[in-house]
């Protein structure tokens, strides 16, 4: 599957080709801890269980916490 991924933390957009089809598999492929990012598709936050489609455009937004 091919997808376009924008990583806010790295300010980088890349085209990737991976064998999975879920958000969880995408994050594993990119070696990203799912607790550190929000995954957004078409302006909507999606969960790890969501399926991805060929040519999806995904944004990875950093989760920031403070106190």
PDB file of N, CA and C in Angstrom:
ATOM      1  N   UNK A   1       0.840  -1.174   0.000  1.00  0.00           N
ATOM      2  CA  UNK A   1       0.000   0.000   0.000  1.00  0.00           C
ATOM      3  C   UNK A   1       0.882   1.233   0.000  1.00  0.00           C
ATOM      4  N   UNK A   2       0.472   2.223  -0.745  1.00  0.00           N
ATOM      5  CA  UNK A   2       1.187   3.490  -0.769  1.00  0.00           C
ATOM      6  C   UNK A   2       0.359   4.546  -0.062  1.00  0.00           C
ATOM      7  N   UNK A   3       1.054   5.404   0.679  1.00  0.00           N
ATOM      8  CA  UNK A   3       0.391   6.489   1.387  1.00  0.00           C
ATOM      9  C   UNK A   3       1.344   7.672   1.464  1.00  0.00           C
ATOM     10  N   UNK A   4       0.760   8.856   1.643  1.00  0.00           N
ATOM     11  CA  UNK A   4       1.544  10.058   1.877  1.00  0.00           C
ATOM     12  C   UNK A   4       1.420  10.382   3.353  1.00  0.00           C
ATOM     13  N   UNK A   5       2.558  10.565   4.024  1.00  0.00           N
ATOM     14  CA  UNK A   5       2.559  10.799   5.465  1.00  0.00           C
ATOM     15  C   UNK A   5       3.291  12.104   5.761  1.00  0.00           C
ATOM     16  N   UNK A   6       2.589  13.007   6.457  1.00  0.00           N
ATOM     17  CA  UNK A   6       3.208  14.245   6.933  1.00  0.00           C
ATOM     18  C   UNK A   6       3.467  14.078   8.415  1.00  0.00           C
ATOM     19  N   UNK A   7       4.722  14.208   8.825  1.00  0.00           N
ATOM     20  CA  UNK A   7       5.103  14.108  10.228  1.00  0.00           C
ATOM     21  C   UNK A   7       5.385  15.525  10.732  1.00  0.00           C
ATOM     22  N   UNK A   8       4.476  16.026  11.577  1.00  0.00           N
ATOM     23  CA  UNK A   8       4.592  17.392  12.076  1.00  0.00           C
ATOM     24  C   UNK A   8       5.892  17.605  12.853  1.00  0.00           C
ATOM     25  N   UNK A   9       6.275  16.643  13.661  1.00  0.00           N
ATOM     26  CA  UNK A   9       7.478  16.773  14.490  1.00  0.00           C
ATOM     27  C   UNK A   9       8.721  16.997  13.633  1.00  0.00           C
ATOM     28  N   UNK A  10       8.807  16.272  12.545  1.00  0.00           N
ATOM     29  CA  UNK A  10       9.972  16.382  11.657  1.00  0.00           C
ATOM     30  C   UNK A  10       9.750  17.386  10.527  1.00  0.00           C
ATOM     31  N   UNK A  11       8.524  17.931  10.431  1.00  0.00           N
ATOM     32  CA  UNK A  11       8.160  18.836   9.345  1.00  0.00           C
ATOM     33  C   UNK A  11       8.554  18.242   7.995  1.00  0.00           C
ATOM     34  N   UNK A  12       8.130  16.977   7.807  1.00  0.00           N
ATOM     35  CA  UNK A  12       8.527  16.234   6.615  1.00  0.00           C
ATOM     36  C   UNK A  12       7.332  15.475   6.041  1.00  0.00           C
ATOM     37  N   UNK A  13       7.215  15.507   4.738  1.00  0.00           N
ATOM     38  CA  UNK A  13       6.203  14.722   4.040  1.00  0.00           C
ATOM     39  C   UNK A  13       6.928  13.686   3.203  1.00  0.00           C
ATOM     40  N   UNK A  14       6.480  12.423   3.312  1.00  0.00           N
ATOM     41  CA  UNK A  14       7.098  11.392   2.476  1.00  0.00           C
ATOM     42  C   UNK A  14       6.063  10.410   1.961  1.00  0.00           C
ATOM     43  N   UNK A  15       6.366   9.872   0.816  1.00  0.00           N
ATOM     44  CA  UNK A  15       5.570   8.800   0.218  1.00  0.00           C
ATOM     45  C   UNK A  15       6.137   7.494   0.748  1.00  0.00           C
ATOM     46  N   UNK A  16       5.278   6.643   1.276  1.00  0.00           N
ATOM     47  CA  UNK A  16       5.764   5.365   1.765  1.00  0.00           C
ATOM     48  C   UNK A  16       5.008   4.230   1.094  1.00  0.00           C
ATOM     49  N   UNK A  17       5.640   3.104   1.071  1.00  0.00           N
ATOM     50  CA  UNK A  17       5.058   1.883   0.524  1.00  0.00           C
ATOM     51  C   UNK A  17       5.251   0.812   1.586  1.00  0.00           C
ATOM     52  N   UNK A  18       4.152   0.345   2.186  1.00  0.00           N
ATOM     53  CA  UNK A  18       4.266  -0.662   3.236  1.00  0.00           C
ATOM     54  C   UNK A  18       3.211  -1.736   3.055  1.00  0.00           C
ATOM     55  N   UNK A  19       3.406  -2.854   3.744  1.00  0.00           N
ATOM     56  CA  UNK A  19       2.545  -4.019   3.517  1.00  0.00           C
ATOM     57  C   UNK A  19       1.300  -4.054   4.392  1.00  0.00           C
ATOM     58  N   UNK A  20       1.198  -3.186   5.389  1.00  0.00           N
ATOM     59  CA  UNK A  20       0.039  -3.210   6.289  1.00  0.00           C
ATOM     60  C   UNK A  20      -1.164  -2.514   5.697  1.00  0.00           C
ATOM     61  N   UNK A  21      -2.250  -2.496   6.499  1.00  0.00           N
ATOM     62  CA  UNK A  21      -3.438  -1.777   6.034  1.00  0.00           C
ATOM     63  C   UNK A  21      -4.172  -1.057   7.160  1.00  0.00           C
ATOM     64  N   UNK A  22      -3.572  -0.980   8.353  1.00  0.00           N
ATOM     65  CA  UNK A  22      -4.218  -0.272   9.458  1.00  0.00           C
ATOM     66  C   UNK A  22      -3.294   0.824   9.976  1.00  0.00           C
ATOM     67  N   UNK A  23      -3.863   1.738  10.733  1.00  0.00           N
ATOM     68  CA  UNK A  23      -3.077   2.807  11.339  1.00  0.00           C
ATOM     69  C   UNK A  23      -2.018   2.208  12.262  1.00  0.00           C
ATOM     70  N   UNK A  24      -2.401   1.202  13.034  1.00  0.00           N
ATOM     71  CA  UNK A  24      -1.453   0.554  13.951  1.00  0.00           C
ATOM     72  C   UNK A  24      -0.239   0.008  13.186  1.00  0.00           C
ATOM     73  N   UNK A  25      -0.494  -0.654  12.069  1.00  0.00           N
ATOM     74  CA  UNK A  25       0.597  -1.207  11.267  1.00  0.00           C
ATOM     75  C   UNK A  25       1.457  -0.105  10.658  1.00  0.00           C
ATOM     76  N   UNK A  26       0.842   1.005  10.281  1.00  0.00           N
ATOM     77  CA  UNK A  26       1.592   2.135   9.748  1.00  0.00           C
ATOM     78  C   UNK A  26       2.541   2.691  10.805  1.00  0.00           C
ATOM     79  N   UNK A  27       2.029   2.889  12.020  1.00  0.00           N
ATOM     80  CA  UNK A  27       2.869   3.422  13.091  1.00  0.00           C
ATOM     81  C   UNK A  27       4.002   2.464  13.443  1.00  0.00           C
ATOM     82  N   UNK A  28       3.716   1.158  13.437  1.00  0.00           N
ATOM     83  CA  UNK A  28       4.768   0.171  13.680  1.00  0.00           C
ATOM     84  C   UNK A  28       5.827   0.239  12.581  1.00  0.00           C
ATOM     85  N   UNK A  29       5.390   0.362  11.344  1.00  0.00           N
ATOM     86  CA  UNK A  29       6.308   0.450  10.203  1.00  0.00           C
ATOM     87  C   UNK A  29       7.223   1.674  10.335  1.00  0.00           C
ATOM     88  N   UNK A  30       6.645   2.787  10.802  1.00  0.00           N
ATOM     89  CA  UNK A  30       7.405   4.023  10.954  1.00  0.00           C
ATOM     90  C   UNK A  30       8.151   4.098  12.289  1.00  0.00           C
ATOM     91  N   UNK A  31       7.966   3.070  13.132  1.00  0.00           N
ATOM     92  CA  UNK A  31       8.612   3.009  14.449  1.00  0.00           C
ATOM     93  C   UNK A  31       8.221   4.212  15.315  1.00  0.00           C
ATOM     94  N   UNK A  32       6.906   4.483  15.349  1.00  0.00           N
ATOM     95  CA  UNK A  32       6.372   5.601  16.128  1.00  0.00           C
ATOM     96  C   UNK A  32       5.456   5.053  17.216  1.00  0.00           C
ATOM     97  N   UNK A  33       5.684   5.500  18.444  1.00  0.00           N
ATOM     98  CA  UNK A  33       4.839   5.112  19.570  1.00  0.00           C
ATOM     99  C   UNK A  33       3.466   5.758  19.392  1.00  0.00           C
ATOM    100  N   UNK A  34       2.391   4.966  19.343  1.00  0.00           N
ATOM    101  CA  UNK A  34       1.056   5.528  19.097  1.00  0.00           C
ATOM    102  C   UNK A  34       0.579   6.498  20.183  1.00  0.00           C
ATOM    103  N   UNK A  35       1.195   6.445  21.369  1.00  0.00           N
ATOM    104  CA  UNK A  35       0.803   7.351  22.447  1.00  0.00           C
ATOM    105  C   UNK A  35       1.392   8.752  22.265  1.00  0.00           C
ATOM    106  N   UNK A  36       2.277   8.927  21.282  1.00  0.00           N
ATOM    107  CA  UNK A  36       2.943  10.220  21.096  1.00  0.00           C
ATOM    108  C   UNK A  36       2.376  11.038  19.942  1.00  0.00           C
ATOM    109  N   UNK A  37       1.425  10.474  19.188  1.00  0.00           N
ATOM    110  CA  UNK A  37       0.886  11.185  18.026  1.00  0.00           C
ATOM    111  C   UNK A  37      -0.630  11.037  17.919  1.00  0.00           C
ATOM    112  N   UNK A  38      -1.227  12.007  17.253  1.00  0.00           N
ATOM    113  CA  UNK A  38      -2.605  11.896  16.784  1.00  0.00           C
ATOM    114  C   UNK A  38      -2.505  11.644  15.291  1.00  0.00           C
ATOM    115  N   UNK A  39      -3.295  10.705  14.796  1.00  0.00           N
ATOM    116  CA  UNK A  39      -3.282  10.378  13.373  1.00  0.00           C
ATOM    117  C   UNK A  39      -4.524  11.000  12.745  1.00  0.00           C
ATOM    118  N   UNK A  40      -4.308  11.802  11.716  1.00  0.00           N
ATOM    119  CA  UNK A  40      -5.396  12.564  11.105  1.00  0.00           C
ATOM    120  C   UNK A  40      -5.485  12.226   9.617  1.00  0.00           C
ATOM    121  N   UNK A  41      -6.721  11.979   9.172  1.00  0.00           N
ATOM    122  CA  UNK A  41      -6.993  11.759   7.748  1.00  0.00           C
ATOM    123  C   UNK A  41      -8.162  12.656   7.365  1.00  0.00           C
ATOM    124  N   UNK A  42      -7.947  13.496   6.367  1.00  0.00           N
ATOM    125  CA  UNK A  42      -8.988  14.417   5.879  1.00  0.00           C
ATOM    126  C   UNK A  42      -9.558  15.275   7.006  1.00  0.00           C
ATOM    127  N   UNK A  43      -8.684  15.725   7.918  1.00  0.00           N
ATOM    128  CA  UNK A  43      -9.103  16.610   9.003  1.00  0.00           C
ATOM    129  C   UNK A  43      -9.764  15.931  10.183  1.00  0.00           C
ATOM    130  N   UNK A  44      -9.828  14.601  10.177  1.00  0.00           N
ATOM    131  CA  UNK A  44     -10.490  13.853  11.249  1.00  0.00           C
ATOM    132  C   UNK A  44      -9.474  12.929  11.927  1.00  0.00           C
ATOM    133  N   UNK A  45      -9.449  12.971  13.270  1.00  0.00           N
ATOM    134  CA  UNK A  45      -8.575  12.074  14.017  1.00  0.00           C
ATOM    135  C   UNK A  45      -9.105  10.653  13.867  1.00  0.00           C
ATOM    136  N   UNK A  46      -8.201   9.715  13.572  1.00  0.00           N
ATOM    137  CA  UNK A  46      -8.604   8.314  13.430  1.00  0.00           C
ATOM    138  C   UNK A  46      -7.829   7.460  14.432  1.00  0.00           C
ATOM    139  N   UNK A  47      -8.396   6.297  14.753  1.00  0.00           N
ATOM    140  CA  UNK A  47      -7.808   5.410  15.753  1.00  0.00           C
ATOM    141  C   UNK A  47      -6.871   4.396  15.110  1.00  0.00           C
ATOM    142  N   UNK A  48      -6.147   3.682  15.967  1.00  0.00           N
ATOM    143  CA  UNK A  48      -5.212   2.656  15.497  1.00  0.00           C
ATOM    144  C   UNK A  48      -5.908   1.539  14.731  1.00  0.00           C
ATOM    145  N   UNK A  49      -7.173   1.295  15.024  1.00  0.00           N
ATOM    146  CA  UNK A  49      -7.904   0.200  14.398  1.00  0.00           C
ATOM    147  C   UNK A  49      -8.429   0.543  13.007  1.00  0.00           C
ATOM    148  N   UNK A  50      -8.399   1.814  12.655  1.00  0.00           N
ATOM    149  CA  UNK A  50      -8.921   2.244  11.352  1.00  0.00           C
ATOM    150  C   UNK A  50      -8.116   1.631  10.210  1.00  0.00           C
ATOM    151  N   UNK A  51      -8.813   1.281   9.156  1.00  0.00           N
ATOM    152  CA  UNK A  51      -8.152   0.780   7.948  1.00  0.00           C
ATOM    153  C   UNK A  51      -7.717   1.954   7.083  1.00  0.00           C
ATOM    154  N   UNK A  52      -6.601   1.764   6.420  1.00  0.00           N
ATOM    155  CA  UNK A  52      -6.110   2.765   5.488  1.00  0.00           C
ATOM    156  C   UNK A  52      -6.431   2.325   4.068  1.00  0.00           C
ATOM    157  N   UNK A  53      -6.557   3.303   3.189  1.00  0.00           N
ATOM    158  CA  UNK A  53      -6.839   3.041   1.791  1.00  0.00           C
ATOM    159  C   UNK A  53      -5.615   3.415   0.964  1.00  0.00           C
ATOM    160  N   UNK A  54      -5.497   2.791  -0.173  1.00  0.00           N
ATOM    161  CA  UNK A  54      -4.419   3.116  -1.110  1.00  0.00           C
ATOM    162  C   UNK A  54      -4.420   4.620  -1.387  1.00  0.00           C
ATOM    163  N   UNK A  55      -3.266   5.239  -1.339  1.00  0.00           N
ATOM    164  CA  UNK A  55      -3.055   6.655  -1.626  1.00  0.00           C
ATOM    165  C   UNK A  55      -3.630   7.599  -0.556  1.00  0.00           C
ATOM    166  N   UNK A  56      -3.893   7.104   0.660  1.00  0.00           N
ATOM    167  CA  UNK A  56      -4.339   7.980   1.744  1.00  0.00           C
ATOM    168  C   UNK A  56      -3.281   9.028   2.045  1.00  0.00           C
ATOM    169  N   UNK A  57      -3.745  10.194   2.485  1.00  0.00           N
ATOM    170  CA  UNK A  57      -2.855  11.239   2.985  1.00  0.00           C
ATOM    171  C   UNK A  57      -3.072  11.325   4.498  1.00  0.00           C
ATOM    172  N   UNK A  58      -2.019  11.045   5.247  1.00  0.00           N
ATOM    173  CA  UNK A  58      -2.092  10.954   6.696  1.00  0.00           C
ATOM    174  C   UNK A  58      -1.202  12.014   7.315  1.00  0.00           C
ATOM    175  N   UNK A  59      -1.704  12.639   8.390  1.00  0.00           N
ATOM    176  CA  UNK A  59      -0.899  13.584   9.161  1.00  0.00           C
ATOM    177  C   UNK A  59      -0.642  12.982  10.531  1.00  0.00           C
ATOM    178  N   UNK A  60       0.597  13.074  10.992  1.00  0.00           N
ATOM    179  CA  UNK A  60       0.968  12.641  12.331  1.00  0.00           C
ATOM    180  C   UNK A  60       1.276  13.888  13.142  1.00  0.00           C
ATOM    181  N   UNK A  61       0.395  14.191  14.094  1.00  0.00           N
ATOM    182  CA  UNK A  61       0.536  15.402  14.905  1.00  0.00           C
ATOM    183  C   UNK A  61       1.022  15.016  16.295  1.00  0.00           C
ATOM    184  N   UNK A  62       2.027  15.727  16.786  1.00  0.00           N
ATOM    185  CA  UNK A  62       2.605  15.426  18.087  1.00  0.00           C
ATOM    186  C   UNK A  62       1.609  15.742  19.209  1.00  0.00           C
ATOM    187  N   UNK A  63       1.560  14.834  20.186  1.00  0.00           N
ATOM    188  CA  UNK A  63       0.746  15.048  21.375  1.00  0.00           C
ATOM    189  C   UNK A  63       1.615  15.800  22.375  1.00  0.00           C
ATOM    190  N   UNK A  64       1.088  16.901  22.871  1.00  0.00           N
ATOM    191  CA  UNK A  64       1.832  17.718  23.835  1.00  0.00           C
ATOM    192  C   UNK A  64       1.035  17.752  25.120  1.00  0.00           C
ATOM    193  N   UNK A  65       1.729  17.484  26.214  1.00  0.00           N
ATOM    194  CA  UNK A  65       1.058  17.558  27.522  1.00  0.00           C
ATOM    195  C   UNK A  65       1.827  18.516  28.407  1.00  0.00           C
ATOM    196  N   UNK A  66       1.129  19.071  29.328  1.00  0.00           N
ATOM    197  CA  UNK A  66       1.778  20.011  30.241  1.00  0.00           C
ATOM    198  C   UNK A  66       1.010  20.068  31.534  1.00  0.00           C
ATOM    199  N   UNK A  67       1.527  20.793  32.441  1.00  0.00           N
ATOM    200  CA  UNK A  67       0.853  20.847  33.716  1.00  0.00           C
ATOM    201  C   UNK A  67       1.004  22.158  34.394  1.00  0.00           C
TER     202      UNK A  67
END
